[in-house]
Amino acid sequence: MRAKFIITSGLALVICGDVHAYCFEPSAPSCATGYGAFNDEWEFNSCKSEMENFESEVEEFGQCKQREVDEANEEAEEAAEQARREASEAEDIASKARREVEGAVSNYSDAVRDFNARAGG
């Protein structure tokens, strides 16, 4: 069990790096759910050690999941900021377009006024 724990922990550290974390949910040791009392002190101590390893794995799993949450929140904040920037840019484009249309309408009105003045009316 100890060798398996070390290998699993090493993989978790590699996988839980900068890229999206993949968290391995640990399983309770089978010795914890056995029937009856422990047969001897060695069996008790062995299971106790497995339970301590399990506790560490659960703590690492919780930390890994927290990293996932933190990464997701960071990505959401970045996406929201990007959306705000894009919305601001769209508002700027819309404002510029409105000003250009207003200018064109004003030019048209001026041209109609000048035309009517030339036409005598």
PDB file of N, CA and C in Angstrom:
ATOM      1  N   MET A   1       0.828  -1.196   0.000  1.00  0.00           N
ATOM      2  CA  MET A   1       0.000   0.000   0.000  1.00  0.00           C
ATOM      3  C   MET A   1       0.864   1.248   0.000  1.00  0.00           C
ATOM      4  N   ARG A   2       1.945   1.231   0.752  1.00  0.00           N
ATOM      5  CA  ARG A   2       2.801   2.403   0.845  1.00  0.00           C
ATOM      6  C   ARG A   2       3.407   2.725  -0.523  1.00  0.00           C
ATOM      7  N   ALA A   3       3.862   1.730  -1.265  1.00  0.00           N
ATOM      8  CA  ALA A   3       4.436   1.975  -2.590  1.00  0.00           C
ATOM      9  C   ALA A   3       3.372   2.543  -3.520  1.00  0.00           C
ATOM     10  N   LYS A   4       2.173   2.027  -3.439  1.00  0.00           N
ATOM     11  CA  LYS A   4       1.077   2.525  -4.261  1.00  0.00           C
ATOM     12  C   LYS A   4       0.792   3.980  -3.912  1.00  0.00           C
ATOM     13  N   PHE A   5       0.819   4.321  -2.648  1.00  0.00           N
ATOM     14  CA  PHE A   5       0.573   5.690  -2.191  1.00  0.00           C
ATOM     15  C   PHE A   5       1.616   6.643  -2.759  1.00  0.00           C
ATOM     16  N   ILE A   6       2.859   6.248  -2.713  1.00  0.00           N
ATOM     17  CA  ILE A   6       3.937   7.108  -3.201  1.00  0.00           C
ATOM     18  C   ILE A   6       3.783   7.331  -4.698  1.00  0.00           C
ATOM     19  N   ILE A   7       3.468   6.306  -5.444  1.00  0.00           N
ATOM     20  CA  ILE A   7       3.285   6.430  -6.883  1.00  0.00           C
ATOM     21  C   ILE A   7       2.089   7.331  -7.178  1.00  0.00           C
ATOM     22  N   THR A   8       0.976   7.109  -6.500  1.00  0.00           N
ATOM     23  CA  THR A   8      -0.216   7.928  -6.700  1.00  0.00           C
ATOM     24  C   THR A   8       0.073   9.382  -6.373  1.00  0.00           C
ATOM     25  N   SER A   9       0.766   9.641  -5.279  1.00  0.00           N
ATOM     26  CA  SER A   9       1.086  11.017  -4.895  1.00  0.00           C
ATOM     27  C   SER A   9       1.967  11.668  -5.943  1.00  0.00           C
ATOM     28  N   GLY A  10       2.940  10.941  -6.442  1.00  0.00           N
ATOM     29  CA  GLY A  10       3.820  11.483  -7.467  1.00  0.00           C
ATOM     30  C   GLY A  10       3.049  11.834  -8.727  1.00  0.00           C
ATOM     31  N   LEU A  11       2.141  10.979  -9.145  1.00  0.00           N
ATOM     32  CA  LEU A  11       1.324  11.263 -10.314  1.00  0.00           C
ATOM     33  C   LEU A  11       0.440  12.470 -10.066  1.00  0.00           C
ATOM     34  N   ALA A  12      -0.126  12.557  -8.889  1.00  0.00           N
ATOM     35  CA  ALA A  12      -0.997  13.691  -8.571  1.00  0.00           C
ATOM     36  C   ALA A  12      -0.220  14.993  -8.635  1.00  0.00           C
ATOM     37  N   LEU A  13       1.018  14.992  -8.172  1.00  0.00           N
ATOM     38  CA  LEU A  13       1.813  16.212  -8.210  1.00  0.00           C
ATOM     39  C   LEU A  13       2.143  16.600  -9.639  1.00  0.00           C
ATOM     40  N   VAL A  14       2.423  15.623 -10.491  1.00  0.00           N
ATOM     41  CA  VAL A  14       2.714  15.904 -11.885  1.00  0.00           C
ATOM     42  C   VAL A  14       1.464  16.409 -12.590  1.00  0.00           C
ATOM     43  N   ILE A  15       0.349  15.748 -12.361  1.00  0.00           N
ATOM     44  CA  ILE A  15      -0.885  16.102 -13.055  1.00  0.00           C
ATOM     45  C   ILE A  15      -1.481  17.394 -12.515  1.00  0.00           C
ATOM     46  N   CYS A  16      -1.311  17.685 -11.252  1.00  0.00           N
ATOM     47  CA  CYS A  16      -1.891  18.887 -10.651  1.00  0.00           C
ATOM     48  C   CYS A  16      -0.979  20.089 -10.828  1.00  0.00           C
ATOM     49  N   GLY A  17      -0.258  20.145 -11.933  1.00  0.00           N
ATOM     50  CA  GLY A  17       0.637  21.261 -12.178  1.00  0.00           C
ATOM     51  C   GLY A  17      -0.112  22.463 -12.710  1.00  0.00           C
ATOM     52  N   ASP A  18       0.549  23.197 -13.625  1.00  0.00           N
ATOM     53  CA  ASP A  18      -0.021  24.422 -14.159  1.00  0.00           C
ATOM     54  C   ASP A  18      -1.249  24.170 -15.021  1.00  0.00           C
ATOM     55  N   VAL A  19      -1.258  23.040 -15.711  1.00  0.00           N
ATOM     56  CA  VAL A  19      -2.395  22.708 -16.547  1.00  0.00           C
ATOM     57  C   VAL A  19      -3.538  22.299 -15.627  1.00  0.00           C
ATOM     58  N   HIS A  20      -4.733  22.248 -16.177  1.00  0.00           N
ATOM     59  CA  HIS A  20      -5.878  21.886 -15.350  1.00  0.00           C
ATOM     60  C   HIS A  20      -5.575  20.649 -14.518  1.00  0.00           C
ATOM     61  N   ALA A  21      -5.876  20.760 -13.274  1.00  0.00           N
ATOM     62  CA  ALA A  21      -5.592  19.676 -12.345  1.00  0.00           C
ATOM     63  C   ALA A  21      -6.589  18.544 -12.555  1.00  0.00           C
ATOM     64  N   TYR A  22      -6.110  17.343 -12.435  1.00  0.00           N
ATOM     65  CA  TYR A  22      -7.005  16.198 -12.356  1.00  0.00           C
ATOM     66  C   TYR A  22      -6.754  15.582 -11.003  1.00  0.00           C
ATOM     67  N   CYS A  23      -7.766  15.580 -10.206  1.00  0.00           N
ATOM     68  CA  CYS A  23      -7.623  15.137  -8.826  1.00  0.00           C
ATOM     69  C   CYS A  23      -8.091  13.694  -8.698  1.00  0.00           C
ATOM     70  N   PHE A  24      -7.261  12.897  -8.070  1.00  0.00           N
ATOM     71  CA  PHE A  24      -7.595  11.501  -7.839  1.00  0.00           C
ATOM     72  C   PHE A  24      -8.265  11.375  -6.484  1.00  0.00           C
ATOM     73  N   GLU A  25      -9.524  10.970  -6.493  1.00  0.00           N
ATOM     74  CA  GLU A  25     -10.229  10.790  -5.221  1.00  0.00           C
ATOM     75  C   GLU A  25      -9.773   9.472  -4.603  1.00  0.00           C
ATOM     76  N   PRO A  26      -9.244   9.534  -3.406  1.00  0.00           N
ATOM     77  CA  PRO A  26      -8.733   8.310  -2.783  1.00  0.00           C
ATOM     78  C   PRO A  26      -9.866   7.414  -2.289  1.00  0.00           C
ATOM     79  N   SER A  27      -9.542   6.165  -2.160  1.00  0.00           N
ATOM     80  CA  SER A  27     -10.490   5.191  -1.619  1.00  0.00           C
ATOM     81  C   SER A  27     -10.043   4.786  -0.224  1.00  0.00           C
ATOM     82  N   ALA A  28     -11.016   4.566   0.624  1.00  0.00           N
ATOM     83  CA  ALA A  28     -10.705   4.126   1.982  1.00  0.00           C
ATOM     84  C   ALA A  28     -10.052   2.746   1.922  1.00  0.00           C
ATOM     85  N   PRO A  29      -9.084   2.499   2.772  1.00  0.00           N
ATOM     86  CA  PRO A  29      -8.456   1.177   2.785  1.00  0.00           C
ATOM     87  C   PRO A  29      -9.473   0.107   3.181  1.00  0.00           C
ATOM     88  N   SER A  30      -9.353  -1.033   2.555  1.00  0.00           N
ATOM     89  CA  SER A  30     -10.314  -2.108   2.821  1.00  0.00           C
ATOM     90  C   SER A  30     -10.249  -2.592   4.266  1.00  0.00           C
ATOM     91  N   CYS A  31      -9.100  -2.421   4.900  1.00  0.00           N
ATOM     92  CA  CYS A  31      -8.965  -2.897   6.273  1.00  0.00           C
ATOM     93  C   CYS A  31      -9.888  -2.137   7.229  1.00  0.00           C
ATOM     94  N   ALA A  32     -10.295  -0.913   6.846  1.00  0.00           N
ATOM     95  CA  ALA A  32     -11.131  -0.093   7.726  1.00  0.00           C
ATOM     96  C   ALA A  32     -12.546  -0.647   7.838  1.00  0.00           C
ATOM     97  N   THR A  33     -12.986  -1.364   6.816  1.00  0.00           N
ATOM     98  CA  THR A  33     -14.379  -1.819   6.807  1.00  0.00           C
ATOM     99  C   THR A  33     -14.514  -3.324   7.057  1.00  0.00           C
ATOM    100  N   GLY A  34     -13.424  -3.940   7.455  1.00  0.00           N
ATOM    101  CA  GLY A  34     -13.484  -5.380   7.725  1.00  0.00           C
ATOM    102  C   GLY A  34     -14.400  -5.698   8.901  1.00  0.00           C
ATOM    103  N   TYR A  35     -14.741  -6.935   9.020  1.00  0.00           N
ATOM    104  CA  TYR A  35     -15.634  -7.372  10.096  1.00  0.00           C
ATOM    105  C   TYR A  35     -14.836  -7.790  11.321  1.00  0.00           C
ATOM    106  N   GLY A  36     -15.365  -7.494  12.455  1.00  0.00           N
ATOM    107  CA  GLY A  36     -14.765  -7.935  13.708  1.00  0.00           C
ATOM    108  C   GLY A  36     -13.547  -7.122  14.096  1.00  0.00           C
ATOM    109  N   ALA A  37     -12.991  -7.486  15.226  1.00  0.00           N
ATOM    110  CA  ALA A  37     -11.815  -6.788  15.757  1.00  0.00           C
ATOM    111  C   ALA A  37     -10.571  -7.237  14.986  1.00  0.00           C
ATOM    112  N   PHE A  38      -9.524  -6.459  15.122  1.00  0.00           N
ATOM    113  CA  PHE A  38      -8.254  -6.828  14.501  1.00  0.00           C
ATOM    114  C   PHE A  38      -7.729  -8.087  15.178  1.00  0.00           C
ATOM    115  N   ASN A  39      -7.071  -8.937  14.392  1.00  0.00           N
ATOM    116  CA  ASN A  39      -6.566 -10.203  14.915  1.00  0.00           C
ATOM    117  C   ASN A  39      -5.377 -10.021  15.851  1.00  0.00           C
ATOM    118  N   ASP A  40      -4.567  -9.011  15.561  1.00  0.00           N
ATOM    119  CA  ASP A  40      -3.375  -8.798  16.394  1.00  0.00           C
ATOM    120  C   ASP A  40      -2.922  -7.346  16.255  1.00  0.00           C
ATOM    121  N   GLU A  41      -1.883  -7.013  17.004  1.00  0.00           N
ATOM    122  CA  GLU A  41      -1.371  -5.642  17.002  1.00  0.00           C
ATOM    123  C   GLU A  41      -0.784  -5.271  15.645  1.00  0.00           C
ATOM    124  N   TRP A  42      -0.124  -6.223  14.976  1.00  0.00           N
ATOM    125  CA  TRP A  42       0.454  -5.946  13.658  1.00  0.00           C
ATOM    126  C   TRP A  42      -0.649  -5.552  12.673  1.00  0.00           C
ATOM    127  N   GLU A  43      -1.755  -6.278  12.663  1.00  0.00           N
ATOM    128  CA  GLU A  43      -2.870  -5.969  11.763  1.00  0.00           C
ATOM    129  C   GLU A  43      -3.443  -4.577  12.090  1.00  0.00           C
ATOM    130  N   PHE A  44      -3.579  -4.282  13.371  1.00  0.00           N
ATOM    131  CA  PHE A  44      -4.068  -2.974  13.811  1.00  0.00           C
ATOM    132  C   PHE A  44      -3.133  -1.867  13.331  1.00  0.00           C
ATOM    133  N   ASN A  45      -1.824  -2.029  13.588  1.00  0.00           N
ATOM    134  CA  ASN A  45      -0.850  -1.007  13.205  1.00  0.00           C
ATOM    135  C   ASN A  45      -0.774  -0.834  11.692  1.00  0.00           C
ATOM    136  N   SER A  46      -0.880  -1.919  10.983  1.00  0.00           N
ATOM    137  CA  SER A  46      -0.853  -1.861   9.524  1.00  0.00           C
ATOM    138  C   SER A  46      -2.058  -1.071   9.010  1.00  0.00           C
ATOM    139  N   CYS A  47      -3.216  -1.361   9.545  1.00  0.00           N
ATOM    140  CA  CYS A  47      -4.422  -0.653   9.119  1.00  0.00           C
ATOM    141  C   CYS A  47      -4.367   0.814   9.555  1.00  0.00           C
ATOM    142  N   LYS A  48      -3.837   1.046  10.736  1.00  0.00           N
ATOM    143  CA  LYS A  48      -3.694   2.427  11.217  1.00  0.00           C
ATOM    144  C   LYS A  48      -2.804   3.212  10.252  1.00  0.00           C
ATOM    145  N   SER A  49      -1.726   2.604   9.800  1.00  0.00           N
ATOM    146  CA  SER A  49      -0.823   3.254   8.850  1.00  0.00           C
ATOM    147  C   SER A  49      -1.547   3.545   7.527  1.00  0.00           C
ATOM    148  N   GLU A  50      -2.328   2.588   7.063  1.00  0.00           N
ATOM    149  CA  GLU A  50      -3.107   2.793   5.835  1.00  0.00           C
ATOM    150  C   GLU A  50      -4.114   3.932   6.014  1.00  0.00           C
ATOM    151  N   MET A  51      -4.713   4.011   7.203  1.00  0.00           N
ATOM    152  CA  MET A  51      -5.669   5.078   7.489  1.00  0.00           C
ATOM    153  C   MET A  51      -4.959   6.440   7.518  1.00  0.00           C
ATOM    154  N   GLU A  52      -3.763   6.495   8.046  1.00  0.00           N
ATOM    155  CA  GLU A  52      -2.996   7.746   8.058  1.00  0.00           C
ATOM    156  C   GLU A  52      -2.641   8.165   6.631  1.00  0.00           C
ATOM    157  N   ASN A  53      -2.270   7.180   5.807  1.00  0.00           N
ATOM    158  CA  ASN A  53      -2.006   7.479   4.392  1.00  0.00           C
ATOM    159  C   ASN A  53      -3.275   7.978   3.707  1.00  0.00           C
ATOM    160  N   PHE A  54      -4.389   7.338   4.033  1.00  0.00           N
ATOM    161  CA  PHE A  54      -5.675   7.740   3.459  1.00  0.00           C
ATOM    162  C   PHE A  54      -6.001   9.185   3.850  1.00  0.00           C
ATOM    163  N   GLU A  55      -5.733   9.527   5.108  1.00  0.00           N
ATOM    164  CA  GLU A  55      -5.971  10.898   5.566  1.00  0.00           C
ATOM    165  C   GLU A  55      -5.148  11.888   4.732  1.00  0.00           C
ATOM    166  N   SER A  56      -3.888  11.558   4.501  1.00  0.00           N
ATOM    167  CA  SER A  56      -3.020  12.425   3.687  1.00  0.00           C
ATOM    168  C   SER A  56      -3.548  12.536   2.262  1.00  0.00           C
ATOM    169  N   GLU A  57      -3.993  11.408   1.712  1.00  0.00           N
ATOM    170  CA  GLU A  57      -4.534  11.421   0.355  1.00  0.00           C
ATOM    171  C   GLU A  57      -5.789  12.284   0.271  1.00  0.00           C
ATOM    172  N   VAL A  58      -6.638  12.217   1.298  1.00  0.00           N
ATOM    173  CA  VAL A  58      -7.855  13.029   1.316  1.00  0.00           C
ATOM    174  C   VAL A  58      -7.490  14.511   1.399  1.00  0.00           C
ATOM    175  N   GLU A  59      -6.498  14.847   2.209  1.00  0.00           N
ATOM    176  CA  GLU A  59      -6.051  16.239   2.301  1.00  0.00           C
ATOM    177  C   GLU A  59      -5.501  16.712   0.957  1.00  0.00           C
ATOM    178  N   GLU A  60      -4.695  15.889   0.303  1.00  0.00           N
ATOM    179  CA  GLU A  60      -4.157  16.237  -1.014  1.00  0.00           C
ATOM    180  C   GLU A  60      -5.278  16.382  -2.035  1.00  0.00           C
ATOM    181  N   PHE A  61      -6.272  15.510  -1.956  1.00  0.00           N
ATOM    182  CA  PHE A  61      -7.422  15.585  -2.858  1.00  0.00           C
ATOM    183  C   PHE A  61      -8.157  16.911  -2.657  1.00  0.00           C
ATOM    184  N   GLY A  62      -8.357  17.294  -1.406  1.00  0.00           N
ATOM    185  CA  GLY A  62      -9.013  18.567  -1.112  1.00  0.00           C
ATOM    186  C   GLY A  62      -8.221  19.749  -1.645  1.00  0.00           C
ATOM    187  N   GLN A  63      -6.908  19.707  -1.475  1.00  0.00           N
ATOM    188  CA  GLN A  63      -6.053  20.784  -1.988  1.00  0.00           C
ATOM    189  C   GLN A  63      -6.093  20.835  -3.514  1.00  0.00           C
ATOM    190  N   CYS A  64      -6.078  19.675  -4.129  1.00  0.00           N
ATOM    191  CA  CYS A  64      -6.135  19.601  -5.587  1.00  0.00           C
ATOM    192  C   CYS A  64      -7.463  20.166  -6.085  1.00  0.00           C
ATOM    193  N   LYS A  65      -8.558  19.797  -5.427  1.00  0.00           N
ATOM    194  CA  LYS A  65      -9.875  20.314  -5.815  1.00  0.00           C
ATOM    195  C   LYS A  65      -9.939  21.824  -5.620  1.00  0.00           C
ATOM    196  N   GLN A  66      -9.313  22.321  -4.562  1.00  0.00           N
ATOM    197  CA  GLN A  66      -9.291  23.769  -4.337  1.00  0.00           C
ATOM    198  C   GLN A  66      -8.538  24.465  -5.462  1.00  0.00           C
ATOM    199  N   ARG A  67      -7.439  23.835  -5.921  1.00  0.00           N
ATOM    200  CA  ARG A  67      -6.711  24.403  -7.060  1.00  0.00           C
ATOM    201  C   ARG A  67      -7.605  24.446  -8.298  1.00  0.00           C
ATOM    202  N   GLU A  68      -8.399  23.397  -8.513  1.00  0.00           N
ATOM    203  CA  GLU A  68      -9.330  23.385  -9.643  1.00  0.00           C
ATOM    204  C   GLU A  68     -10.318  24.539  -9.532  1.00  0.00           C
ATOM    205  N   VAL A  69     -10.853  24.741  -8.329  1.00  0.00           N
ATOM    206  CA  VAL A  69     -11.802  25.832  -8.099  1.00  0.00           C
ATOM    207  C   VAL A  69     -11.122  27.178  -8.353  1.00  0.00           C
ATOM    208  N   ASP A  70      -9.913  27.342  -7.824  1.00  0.00           N
ATOM    209  CA  ASP A  70      -9.180  28.593  -8.009  1.00  0.00           C
ATOM    210  C   ASP A  70      -8.907  28.858  -9.490  1.00  0.00           C
ATOM    211  N   GLU A  71      -8.506  27.825 -10.220  1.00  0.00           N
ATOM    212  CA  GLU A  71      -8.244  27.967 -11.650  1.00  0.00           C
ATOM    213  C   GLU A  71      -9.527  28.322 -12.395  1.00  0.00           C
ATOM    214  N   ALA A  72     -10.626  27.663 -12.043  1.00  0.00           N
ATOM    215  CA  ALA A  72     -11.904  27.947 -12.698  1.00  0.00           C
ATOM    216  C   ALA A  72     -12.344  29.379 -12.414  1.00  0.00           C
ATOM    217  N   ASN A  73     -12.174  29.828 -11.170  1.00  0.00           N
ATOM    218  CA  ASN A  73     -12.531  31.205 -10.830  1.00  0.00           C
ATOM    219  C   ASN A  73     -11.662  32.201 -11.593  1.00  0.00           C
ATOM    220  N   GLU A  74     -10.376  31.890 -11.698  1.00  0.00           N
ATOM    221  CA  GLU A  74      -9.466  32.774 -12.429  1.00  0.00           C
ATOM    222  C   GLU A  74      -9.855  32.843 -13.902  1.00  0.00           C
ATOM    223  N   GLU A  75     -10.178  31.705 -14.485  1.00  0.00           N
ATOM    224  CA  GLU A  75     -10.600  31.680 -15.885  1.00  0.00           C
ATOM    225  C   GLU A  75     -11.896  32.452 -16.072  1.00  0.00           C
ATOM    226  N   ALA A  76     -12.828  32.301 -15.119  1.00  0.00           N
ATOM    227  CA  ALA A  76     -14.094  33.020 -15.208  1.00  0.00           C
ATOM    228  C   ALA A  76     -13.865  34.527 -15.105  1.00  0.00           C
ATOM    229  N   GLU A  77     -12.980  34.936 -14.209  1.00  0.00           N
ATOM    230  CA  GLU A  77     -12.670  36.360 -14.072  1.00  0.00           C
ATOM    231  C   GLU A  77     -12.024  36.897 -15.344  1.00  0.00           C
ATOM    232  N   GLU A  78     -11.112  36.117 -15.919  1.00  0.00           N
ATOM    233  CA  GLU A  78     -10.468  36.545 -17.161  1.00  0.00           C
ATOM    234  C   GLU A  78     -11.490  36.639 -18.294  1.00  0.00           C
ATOM    235  N   ALA A  79     -12.400  35.673 -18.365  1.00  0.00           N
ATOM    236  CA  ALA A  79     -13.442  35.699 -19.402  1.00  0.00           C
ATOM    237  C   ALA A  79     -14.371  36.893 -19.201  1.00  0.00           C
ATOM    238  N   ALA A  80     -14.710  37.178 -17.953  1.00  0.00           N
ATOM    239  CA  ALA A  80     -15.576  38.325 -17.670  1.00  0.00           C
ATOM    240  C   ALA A  80     -14.877  39.629 -18.054  1.00  0.00           C
ATOM    241  N   GLU A  81     -13.595  39.735 -17.733  1.00  0.00           N
ATOM    242  CA  GLU A  81     -12.833  40.932 -18.089  1.00  0.00           C
ATOM    243  C   GLU A  81     -12.758  41.076 -19.607  1.00  0.00           C
ATOM    244  N   GLN A  82     -12.520  39.978 -20.296  1.00  0.00           N
ATOM    245  CA  GLN A  82     -12.482  40.006 -21.757  1.00  0.00           C
ATOM    246  C   GLN A  82     -13.844  40.428 -22.309  1.00  0.00           C
ATOM    247  N   ALA A  83     -14.916  39.907 -21.724  1.00  0.00           N
ATOM    248  CA  ALA A  83     -16.261  40.278 -22.168  1.00  0.00           C
ATOM    249  C   ALA A  83     -16.518  41.770 -21.927  1.00  0.00           C
ATOM    250  N   ARG A  84     -16.053  42.285 -20.777  1.00  0.00           N
ATOM    251  CA  ARG A  84     -16.208  43.719 -20.497  1.00  0.00           C
ATOM    252  C   ARG A  84     -15.446  44.564 -21.528  1.00  0.00           C
ATOM    253  N   ARG A  85     -14.226  44.130 -21.845  1.00  0.00           N
ATOM    254  CA  ARG A  85     -13.444  44.862 -22.843  1.00  0.00           C
ATOM    255  C   ARG A  85     -14.144  44.839 -24.201  1.00  0.00           C
ATOM    256  N   GLU A  86     -14.644  43.663 -24.582  1.00  0.00           N
ATOM    257  CA  GLU A  86     -15.324  43.545 -25.869  1.00  0.00           C
ATOM    258  C   GLU A  86     -16.615  44.354 -25.887  1.00  0.00           C
ATOM    259  N   ALA A  87     -17.344  44.368 -24.773  1.00  0.00           N
ATOM    260  CA  ALA A  87     -18.573  45.165 -24.690  1.00  0.00           C
ATOM    261  C   ALA A  87     -18.244  46.643 -24.803  1.00  0.00           C
ATOM    262  N   SER A  88     -17.167  47.068 -24.151  1.00  0.00           N
ATOM    263  CA  SER A  88     -16.747  48.468 -24.228  1.00  0.00           C
ATOM    264  C   SER A  88     -16.363  48.826 -25.655  1.00  0.00           C
ATOM    265  N   GLU A  89     -15.639  47.935 -26.310  1.00  0.00           N
ATOM    266  CA  GLU A  89     -15.263  48.170 -27.701  1.00  0.00           C
ATOM    267  C   GLU A  89     -16.506  48.253 -28.586  1.00  0.00           C
ATOM    268  N   ALA A  90     -17.478  47.379 -28.339  1.00  0.00           N
ATOM    269  CA  ALA A  90     -18.716  47.389 -29.116  1.00  0.00           C
ATOM    270  C   ALA A  90     -19.482  48.691 -28.879  1.00  0.00           C
ATOM    271  N   GLU A  91     -19.499  49.157 -27.630  1.00  0.00           N
ATOM    272  CA  GLU A  91     -20.156  50.434 -27.331  1.00  0.00           C
ATOM    273  C   GLU A  91     -19.447  51.575 -28.050  1.00  0.00           C
ATOM    274  N   ASP A  92     -18.120  51.535 -28.081  1.00  0.00           N
ATOM    275  CA  ASP A  92     -17.359  52.571 -28.788  1.00  0.00           C
ATOM    276  C   ASP A  92     -17.690  52.554 -30.283  1.00  0.00           C
ATOM    277  N   ILE A  93     -17.770  51.362 -30.851  1.00  0.00           N
ATOM    278  CA  ILE A  93     -18.098  51.233 -32.270  1.00  0.00           C
ATOM    279  C   ILE A  93     -19.513  51.753 -32.527  1.00  0.00           C
ATOM    280  N   ALA A  94     -20.446  51.397 -31.629  1.00  0.00           N
ATOM    281  CA  ALA A  94     -21.828  51.844 -31.788  1.00  0.00           C
ATOM    282  C   ALA A  94     -21.926  53.364 -31.664  1.00  0.00           C
ATOM    283  N   SER A  95     -21.216  53.942 -30.702  1.00  0.00           N
ATOM    284  CA  SER A  95     -21.228  55.402 -30.532  1.00  0.00           C
ATOM    285  C   SER A  95     -20.653  56.096 -31.769  1.00  0.00           C
ATOM    286  N   LYS A  96     -19.560  55.566 -32.267  1.00  0.00           N
ATOM    287  CA  LYS A  96     -18.948  56.144 -33.465  1.00  0.00           C
ATOM    288  C   LYS A  96     -19.917  56.043 -34.647  1.00  0.00           C
ATOM    289  N   ALA A  97     -20.577  54.892 -34.781  1.00  0.00           N
ATOM    290  CA  ALA A  97     -21.532  54.709 -35.880  1.00  0.00           C
ATOM    291  C   ALA A  97     -22.692  55.688 -35.747  1.00  0.00           C
ATOM    292  N   ARG A  98     -23.198  55.883 -34.512  1.00  0.00           N
ATOM    293  CA  ARG A  98     -24.293  56.841 -34.309  1.00  0.00           C
ATOM    294  C   ARG A  98     -23.841  58.258 -34.691  1.00  0.00           C
ATOM    295  N   ARG A  99     -22.640  58.642 -34.271  1.00  0.00           N
ATOM    296  CA  ARG A  99     -22.119  59.979 -34.617  1.00  0.00           C
ATOM    297  C   ARG A  99     -21.980  60.130 -36.134  1.00  0.00           C
ATOM    298  N   GLU A 100     -21.521  59.084 -36.792  1.00  0.00           N
ATOM    299  CA  GLU A 100     -21.362  59.146 -38.245  1.00  0.00           C
ATOM    300  C   GLU A 100     -22.716  59.264 -38.938  1.00  0.00           C
ATOM    301  N   VAL A 101     -23.716  58.507 -38.438  1.00  0.00           N
ATOM    302  CA  VAL A 101     -25.054  58.591 -39.026  1.00  0.00           C
ATOM    303  C   VAL A 101     -25.644  59.976 -38.772  1.00  0.00           C
ATOM    304  N   GLU A 102     -25.490  60.468 -37.540  1.00  0.00           N
ATOM    305  CA  GLU A 102     -25.983  61.815 -37.229  1.00  0.00           C
ATOM    306  C   GLU A 102     -25.315  62.855 -38.128  1.00  0.00           C
ATOM    307  N   GLY A 103     -24.016  62.690 -38.355  1.00  0.00           N
ATOM    308  CA  GLY A 103     -23.302  63.600 -39.254  1.00  0.00           C
ATOM    309  C   GLY A 103     -23.843  63.516 -40.670  1.00  0.00           C
ATOM    310  N   ALA A 104     -24.089  62.302 -41.140  1.00  0.00           N
ATOM    311  CA  ALA A 104     -24.620  62.130 -42.493  1.00  0.00           C
ATOM    312  C   ALA A 104     -26.013  62.735 -42.604  1.00  0.00           C
ATOM    313  N   VAL A 105     -26.855  62.540 -41.578  1.00  0.00           N
ATOM    314  CA  VAL A 105     -28.202  63.109 -41.582  1.00  0.00           C
ATOM    315  C   VAL A 105     -28.112  64.638 -41.572  1.00  0.00           C
ATOM    316  N   SER A 106     -27.200  65.174 -40.773  1.00  0.00           N
ATOM    317  CA  SER A 106     -27.005  66.627 -40.723  1.00  0.00           C
ATOM    318  C   SER A 106     -26.542  67.155 -42.077  1.00  0.00           C
ATOM    319  N   ASN A 107     -25.620  66.458 -42.702  1.00  0.00           N
ATOM    320  CA  ASN A 107     -25.151  66.857 -44.041  1.00  0.00           C
ATOM    321  C   ASN A 107     -26.289  66.823 -45.050  1.00  0.00           C
ATOM    322  N   TYR A 108     -27.126  65.780 -44.933  1.00  0.00           N
ATOM    323  CA  TYR A 108     -28.281  65.676 -45.827  1.00  0.00           C
ATOM    324  C   TYR A 108     -29.226  66.850 -45.595  1.00  0.00           C
ATOM    325  N   SER A 109     -29.507  67.155 -44.321  1.00  0.00           N
ATOM    326  CA  SER A 109     -30.397  68.275 -44.004  1.00  0.00           C
ATOM    327  C   SER A 109     -29.831  69.581 -44.542  1.00  0.00           C
ATOM    328  N   ASP A 110     -28.517  69.790 -44.377  1.00  0.00           N
ATOM    329  CA  ASP A 110     -27.876  70.988 -44.903  1.00  0.00           C
ATOM    330  C   ASP A 110     -27.997  71.044 -46.427  1.00  0.00           C
ATOM    331  N   ALA A 111     -27.778  69.908 -47.074  1.00  0.00           N
ATOM    332  CA  ALA A 111     -27.864  69.860 -48.533  1.00  0.00           C
ATOM    333  C   ALA A 111     -29.286  70.154 -48.999  1.00  0.00           C
ATOM    334  N   VAL A 112     -30.289  69.581 -48.289  1.00  0.00           N
ATOM    335  CA  VAL A 112     -31.695  69.840 -48.654  1.00  0.00           C
ATOM    336  C   VAL A 112     -31.995  71.325 -48.471  1.00  0.00           C
ATOM    337  N   ARG A 113     -31.543  71.920 -47.376  1.00  0.00           N
ATOM    338  CA  ARG A 113     -31.768  73.357 -47.129  1.00  0.00           C
ATOM    339  C   ARG A 113     -31.133  74.184 -48.233  1.00  0.00           C
ATOM    340  N   ASP A 114     -29.890  73.842 -48.596  1.00  0.00           N
ATOM    341  CA  ASP A 114     -29.202  74.589 -49.657  1.00  0.00           C
ATOM    342  C   ASP A 114     -29.908  74.400 -51.009  1.00  0.00           C
ATOM    343  N   PHE A 115     -30.334  73.183 -51.272  1.00  0.00           N
ATOM    344  CA  PHE A 115     -31.057  72.908 -52.519  1.00  0.00           C
ATOM    345  C   PHE A 115     -32.331  73.746 -52.593  1.00  0.00           C
ATOM    346  N   ASN A 116     -33.097  73.725 -51.482  1.00  0.00           N
ATOM    347  CA  ASN A 116     -34.356  74.468 -51.454  1.00  0.00           C
ATOM    348  C   ASN A 116     -34.089  75.973 -51.603  1.00  0.00           C
ATOM    349  N   ALA A 117     -33.012  76.447 -51.025  1.00  0.00           N
ATOM    350  CA  ALA A 117     -32.674  77.872 -51.150  1.00  0.00           C
ATOM    351  C   ALA A 117     -32.366  78.209 -52.605  1.00  0.00           C
ATOM    352  N   ARG A 118     -31.659  77.338 -53.279  1.00  0.00           N
ATOM    353  CA  ARG A 118     -31.318  77.573 -54.698  1.00  0.00           C
ATOM    354  C   ARG A 118     -32.558  77.471 -55.572  1.00  0.00           C
ATOM    355  N   ALA A 119     -33.481  76.599 -55.142  1.00  0.00           N
ATOM    356  CA  ALA A 119     -34.676  76.389 -55.961  1.00  0.00           C
ATOM    357  C   ALA A 119     -35.681  77.511 -55.750  1.00  0.00           C
ATOM    358  N   GLY A 120     -35.387  78.385 -54.818  1.00  0.00           N
ATOM    359  CA  GLY A 120     -36.268  79.513 -54.581  1.00  0.00           C
ATOM    360  C   GLY A 120     -37.388  79.184 -53.624  1.00  0.00           C
ATOM    361  N   GLY A 121     -37.242  78.184 -52.907  1.00  0.00           N
ATOM    362  CA  GLY A 121     -38.382  77.845 -52.094  1.00  0.00           C
ATOM    363  C   GLY A 121     -38.059  77.593 -50.727  1.00  0.00           C
TER     364      GLY A 121
END
